Protein backbone atom coordinates (compact mmCIF):
# COMPACT_ATOMS: atom_id res chain seq x y z
CA MET A 1 -77.68 147.76 106.52
CA ALA A 2 -75.30 148.93 109.23
CA ILE A 3 -72.18 147.59 110.73
CA LYS A 4 -73.14 146.88 114.28
CA SER A 5 -70.01 148.18 116.01
CA ARG A 6 -71.58 147.96 119.45
CA ASP A 7 -72.17 144.28 119.42
CA ARG A 8 -68.73 143.24 120.75
CA SER A 9 -69.47 139.59 121.04
CA LYS A 10 -69.55 139.40 117.18
CA LEU A 11 -66.19 141.08 116.74
CA PRO A 12 -62.75 139.21 116.77
CA ALA A 13 -60.19 139.91 119.38
CA ASP A 14 -59.00 143.40 119.86
CA PHE A 15 -55.19 143.96 119.91
CA ARG A 16 -55.26 147.54 119.33
CA LYS A 17 -54.41 148.60 122.91
CA GLN A 18 -51.30 146.39 123.00
CA TYR A 19 -49.83 148.04 119.79
CA ARG A 20 -51.05 151.69 120.18
CA VAL A 21 -48.59 154.36 121.18
CA PRO A 22 -50.31 156.03 124.24
CA ASP A 23 -51.68 159.46 123.60
CA PHE A 24 -48.68 161.76 123.26
CA GLY A 25 -46.35 159.08 124.07
CA LYS A 26 -46.76 158.78 127.73
CA GLY A 27 -44.32 156.18 128.86
CA PHE A 28 -43.62 154.95 125.49
CA ARG A 29 -40.08 153.87 124.48
CA LEU A 30 -39.54 152.18 121.05
CA LYS A 31 -36.80 149.88 122.35
CA ASP A 32 -39.47 148.29 124.58
CA VAL A 33 -41.07 146.92 121.39
CA ASP A 34 -39.70 143.49 120.00
CA PRO A 35 -39.99 143.61 116.13
CA GLY A 36 -40.09 139.77 116.21
CA GLU A 37 -42.94 139.58 118.75
CA LYS A 38 -45.95 137.34 117.77
CA THR A 39 -48.35 136.90 120.61
CA ALA A 40 -51.60 138.03 119.24
CA PHE A 41 -52.04 134.88 117.14
CA PRO A 42 -51.06 131.51 118.07
CA ASP A 43 -49.37 130.52 114.83
CA ARG A 44 -49.22 131.44 111.07
CA LEU A 45 -51.95 129.40 110.05
CA ASN A 46 -54.32 130.90 112.39
CA ALA A 47 -53.27 134.59 111.68
CA GLU A 48 -53.62 134.01 107.84
CA THR A 49 -57.15 132.34 108.51
CA GLU A 50 -58.28 135.23 110.63
CA MET A 51 -56.74 137.68 108.25
CA ALA A 52 -58.75 136.36 105.38
CA ALA A 53 -61.92 136.98 107.46
CA ASP A 54 -60.94 140.47 108.45
CA ILE A 55 -60.19 141.42 104.85
CA ALA A 56 -63.59 140.16 103.80
CA ARG A 57 -65.13 142.37 106.50
CA ILE A 58 -62.90 145.43 105.24
CA ASP A 59 -64.41 144.87 101.80
CA VAL A 60 -67.86 145.00 103.03
CA SER A 61 -67.24 148.08 105.15
CA GLN A 62 -65.49 149.80 102.15
CA ASP A 63 -68.67 149.19 100.19
CA ILE A 64 -70.91 150.89 102.71
CA LEU A 65 -68.23 153.68 103.29
CA TRP A 66 -68.51 154.46 99.46
CA ALA A 67 -72.26 154.20 99.49
CA GLN A 68 -72.63 156.41 102.58
CA GLY A 69 -70.14 159.12 101.17
CA LYS A 70 -69.86 160.90 104.41
CA GLN A 71 -66.60 159.67 105.85
CA ALA A 72 -62.97 158.53 104.76
CA LEU A 73 -60.41 156.48 106.20
CA LEU A 74 -56.64 157.30 105.93
CA ALA A 75 -54.06 154.66 106.62
CA VAL A 76 -50.40 156.00 106.81
CA PHE A 77 -47.53 153.55 106.48
CA GLN A 78 -44.02 154.31 107.74
CA ALA A 79 -41.13 152.01 108.11
CA MET A 80 -37.39 151.77 107.45
CA ASP A 81 -36.29 150.58 104.16
CA ALA A 82 -37.40 147.04 103.54
CA GLY A 83 -39.95 147.39 106.47
CA GLY A 84 -42.73 146.08 104.29
CA LYS A 85 -45.04 149.00 103.40
CA ASP A 86 -45.71 147.90 99.90
CA GLY A 87 -46.21 144.26 100.97
CA THR A 88 -48.70 145.20 103.79
CA MET A 89 -50.73 147.41 101.51
CA ARG A 90 -50.92 144.82 98.90
CA LYS A 91 -52.00 142.01 101.20
CA VAL A 92 -54.49 143.89 103.29
CA PHE A 93 -56.02 146.10 100.69
CA GLY A 94 -55.38 144.09 97.46
CA PRO A 95 -58.69 142.17 97.53
CA VAL A 96 -60.74 145.22 98.31
CA ASP A 97 -62.51 147.09 95.51
CA PRO A 98 -59.95 149.21 93.80
CA LEU A 99 -62.40 151.90 92.87
CA GLY A 100 -62.76 152.71 96.59
CA ILE A 101 -59.09 153.08 97.32
CA ILE A 102 -56.41 155.60 96.65
CA ALA A 103 -52.90 154.98 97.24
CA THR A 104 -50.08 157.63 97.28
CA SER A 105 -46.45 156.93 97.45
CA PHE A 106 -44.33 160.05 98.77
CA LYS A 107 -41.09 160.39 96.91
CA LYS A 108 -38.63 163.23 97.02
CA PRO A 109 -40.56 166.43 96.75
CA SER A 110 -40.81 168.11 93.29
CA ASP A 111 -39.60 171.72 92.72
CA ARG A 112 -43.21 172.79 92.79
CA GLU A 113 -43.85 171.14 96.10
CA LEU A 114 -40.82 172.37 97.67
CA ALA A 115 -42.10 175.89 96.85
CA GLN A 116 -45.02 175.28 99.11
CA ASP A 117 -45.28 174.55 102.73
CA TYR A 118 -44.51 170.94 103.54
CA LEU A 119 -47.97 169.99 104.18
CA TRP A 120 -49.41 171.13 101.02
CA ARG A 121 -48.59 168.03 98.79
CA VAL A 122 -50.19 165.80 101.51
CA HIS A 123 -53.35 167.77 101.70
CA GLN A 124 -53.91 167.37 97.98
CA VAL A 125 -54.11 163.51 98.13
CA VAL A 126 -56.17 163.17 101.38
CA PRO A 127 -58.92 160.64 100.58
CA ALA A 128 -62.37 162.16 99.65
CA LYS A 129 -65.42 161.19 101.47
CA GLY A 130 -66.35 157.55 100.67
CA MET A 131 -62.71 156.56 100.06
CA ILE A 132 -59.95 154.72 101.87
CA GLY A 133 -56.60 156.44 101.36
CA LEU A 134 -53.11 154.80 101.84
CA PHE A 135 -49.97 156.75 102.21
CA ASN A 136 -46.80 154.99 101.57
CA ARG A 137 -44.46 157.39 103.50
CA SER A 138 -46.35 160.67 104.25
CA HIS A 139 -45.87 164.15 105.83
CA TYR A 140 -43.90 162.32 108.63
CA GLU A 141 -40.71 162.41 106.37
CA ASP A 142 -40.52 166.01 107.25
CA VAL A 143 -39.77 165.15 110.90
CA LEU A 144 -37.85 161.97 110.04
CA VAL A 145 -35.37 162.02 107.15
CA VAL A 146 -35.34 165.73 107.32
CA ARG A 147 -34.39 165.64 110.95
CA VAL A 148 -31.81 162.72 110.55
CA HIS A 149 -30.04 164.56 107.71
CA GLU A 150 -30.42 167.94 109.39
CA TRP A 151 -32.23 169.55 106.42
CA ALA A 152 -34.04 171.82 108.79
CA PRO A 153 -33.08 173.36 112.02
CA LEU A 154 -34.16 171.38 115.12
CA GLU A 155 -36.60 174.33 116.16
CA LYS A 156 -38.43 173.90 112.84
CA ILE A 157 -38.83 170.20 113.60
CA GLU A 158 -40.10 170.92 116.84
CA GLU A 159 -42.78 173.23 115.31
CA ARG A 160 -43.76 170.63 112.87
CA TYR A 161 -44.85 168.14 115.52
CA ASP A 162 -47.48 170.52 116.66
CA GLN A 163 -48.44 171.44 113.01
CA ILE A 164 -48.92 167.86 112.03
CA ASN A 165 -51.16 167.29 115.05
CA ALA A 166 -53.22 170.30 114.16
CA PHE A 167 -53.38 169.26 110.51
CA GLU A 168 -54.66 165.68 111.53
CA LYS A 169 -57.11 167.06 114.02
CA HIS A 170 -58.49 169.22 111.28
CA LEU A 171 -58.80 166.11 108.92
CA ALA A 172 -60.48 164.27 111.81
CA GLU A 173 -62.97 166.99 112.53
CA ASN A 174 -63.89 166.95 108.86
CA GLY A 175 -64.78 163.19 108.61
CA VAL A 176 -61.26 161.41 108.01
CA THR A 177 -60.55 158.65 110.37
CA ILE A 178 -56.74 158.39 110.57
CA LEU A 179 -54.72 155.21 111.42
CA LYS A 180 -50.95 155.42 111.37
CA PHE A 181 -48.74 152.27 111.41
CA PHE A 182 -44.90 152.18 111.88
CA LEU A 183 -43.87 148.80 110.61
CA HIS A 184 -41.07 148.02 113.10
CA ILE A 185 -38.40 145.69 111.81
CA SER A 186 -35.03 144.96 113.42
CA LYS A 187 -31.72 145.85 111.99
CA GLU A 188 -30.80 142.24 111.52
CA LYS A 189 -34.05 141.64 109.62
CA GLN A 190 -33.36 144.68 107.24
CA LYS A 191 -30.02 143.38 106.55
CA GLU A 192 -31.57 139.97 105.63
CA ARG A 193 -34.06 141.61 103.27
CA LEU A 194 -31.66 143.95 101.67
CA GLN A 195 -29.37 141.24 100.88
CA GLU A 196 -32.30 139.25 99.40
CA ARG A 197 -32.89 142.08 96.99
CA ILE A 198 -29.22 142.00 95.89
CA ASN A 199 -29.13 138.18 95.46
CA ASN A 200 -32.52 137.65 93.74
CA PRO A 201 -32.71 138.90 90.32
CA ALA A 202 -36.49 139.51 90.33
CA LYS A 203 -35.91 141.93 93.27
CA ARG A 204 -33.05 143.70 92.22
CA TRP A 205 -35.19 146.45 90.83
CA LYS A 206 -36.18 147.22 94.49
CA PHE A 207 -32.61 147.82 95.65
CA ASN A 208 -31.33 151.16 95.95
CA PRO A 209 -27.58 151.63 96.94
CA GLY A 210 -28.62 154.63 98.75
CA ASP A 211 -30.33 152.35 101.38
CA LEU A 212 -26.95 151.18 102.51
CA GLU A 213 -25.89 154.85 103.52
CA GLU A 214 -29.38 155.33 105.22
CA ARG A 215 -28.78 151.96 107.03
CA LYS A 216 -25.57 153.50 108.75
CA LEU A 217 -27.89 156.09 110.30
CA TRP A 218 -30.04 153.45 112.09
CA LYS A 219 -29.65 154.86 115.53
CA GLN A 220 -30.57 158.40 114.43
CA TYR A 221 -33.57 157.18 112.60
CA MET A 222 -34.74 155.19 115.64
CA GLU A 223 -34.64 158.38 117.78
CA ALA A 224 -36.38 160.33 115.06
CA TYR A 225 -39.13 157.91 115.03
CA GLU A 226 -39.52 157.55 118.79
CA SER A 227 -39.80 161.35 118.84
CA ALA A 228 -42.43 161.31 116.12
CA LEU A 229 -44.46 158.45 117.67
CA ARG A 230 -44.41 160.07 121.14
CA ARG A 231 -45.36 163.57 120.00
CA CYS A 232 -47.91 162.78 117.31
CA SER A 233 -49.81 159.82 118.70
CA ALA A 234 -53.25 161.65 119.52
CA PRO A 235 -56.75 160.40 120.29
CA TRP A 236 -57.84 161.63 116.78
CA ALA A 237 -54.84 160.10 115.01
CA PRO A 238 -53.09 157.14 116.86
CA TRP A 239 -49.84 155.63 115.99
CA TYR A 240 -49.57 151.79 116.05
CA VAL A 241 -46.10 150.15 116.15
CA ILE A 242 -46.54 146.74 114.36
CA PRO A 243 -43.85 144.06 114.94
CA ALA A 244 -42.82 143.46 111.37
CA ASP A 245 -39.94 140.84 111.33
CA ARG A 246 -42.61 138.32 110.21
CA ASN A 247 -44.62 139.39 107.18
CA TRP A 248 -47.67 137.23 108.05
CA TYR A 249 -47.87 138.55 111.50
CA ARG A 250 -47.53 142.15 110.34
CA ASN A 251 -50.23 141.82 107.78
CA ALA A 252 -52.59 140.12 110.15
CA LEU A 253 -52.36 142.88 112.71
CA VAL A 254 -52.91 145.59 110.32
CA ALA A 255 -55.94 143.91 108.79
CA ARG A 256 -57.38 143.45 112.30
CA ILE A 257 -56.95 147.09 113.23
CA VAL A 258 -58.42 148.36 110.14
CA ARG A 259 -61.44 146.02 110.30
CA LEU A 260 -62.14 147.10 113.83
CA THR A 261 -61.78 150.80 113.13
CA LEU A 262 -64.01 150.66 110.11
CA GLU A 263 -66.49 148.71 112.03
CA GLU A 264 -66.84 151.53 114.55
CA MET A 265 -67.39 154.22 112.14
CA ASP A 266 -71.14 153.94 112.18
CA LEU A 267 -71.32 153.12 108.54
CA LYS A 268 -74.78 152.62 106.96
CA TYR A 269 -76.10 152.32 103.50
CA PRO A 270 -78.08 155.34 102.58
CA PRO A 271 -81.83 154.91 102.73
CA ALA A 272 -83.54 153.55 99.57
CA PRO A 273 -85.88 155.76 97.62
CA LYS A 274 -89.44 156.06 99.20
CA GLY A 275 -91.76 153.26 97.82
CA ILE A 276 -88.96 151.04 96.23
CA GLU A 277 -90.57 147.84 97.45
CA LYS A 278 -93.57 148.54 95.20
CA MET A 279 -91.49 149.39 92.06
CA VAL A 280 -91.36 146.81 89.27
CA VAL A 281 -88.91 146.62 86.35
CA GLU A 282 -90.96 146.01 83.19
């Protein structure tokens, strides 16, 4: 069995071009993307119905990906605080066989990680062939938070864009399909979600007082994100900017993009042993 990616009549609507950052950011401006935009689906019910179908197909593709054992999929998630990285990963990939998925959350680097080059800890957890890998934050922190807080000189940040492109190209040339999602929320929606974490006892564990200090640097973060999106959206590792003010819309878009990408990866179950049709289990 194979995923027949070339039969476009059997695939759902493809919104990728609408949300993809052009290669190396030609003409792209982050301020042109509305975080509250919702034109891909007519309403929430339709989006959630189609998302369920997309997730079912992701599950089928993941099974074939695992069986084939020749390729991997890496999905990178970046967002401002409260942007929905955890929620998106849970909604889109939660129903998929967990044995075929590895999720990594990148926190503050350890002393050992700081003693290596900044890409070292990332390469350690790139998904193996047959796996889907999810990055909650990623190597892009070294051109985002590091840039905003000026923890490295600007010339070093400039070098890192090219290094990241080369790193991702190396992965792509060795069987890793890369998708990168920036979950784009508005400053107003972030305020609402952070306040909800404060007000709701069940969500207070998510609240970090440091988020309020980072929020004061919103303009600097938007500039850093725009630079990263422009400089590092490549044919082999595209960035998608996902309007994220509505959780249901955000999740449905990511599910659709993941589904279509998997179905274009020429996934096939490996051939059965010769003569299996004549074998009988006694």
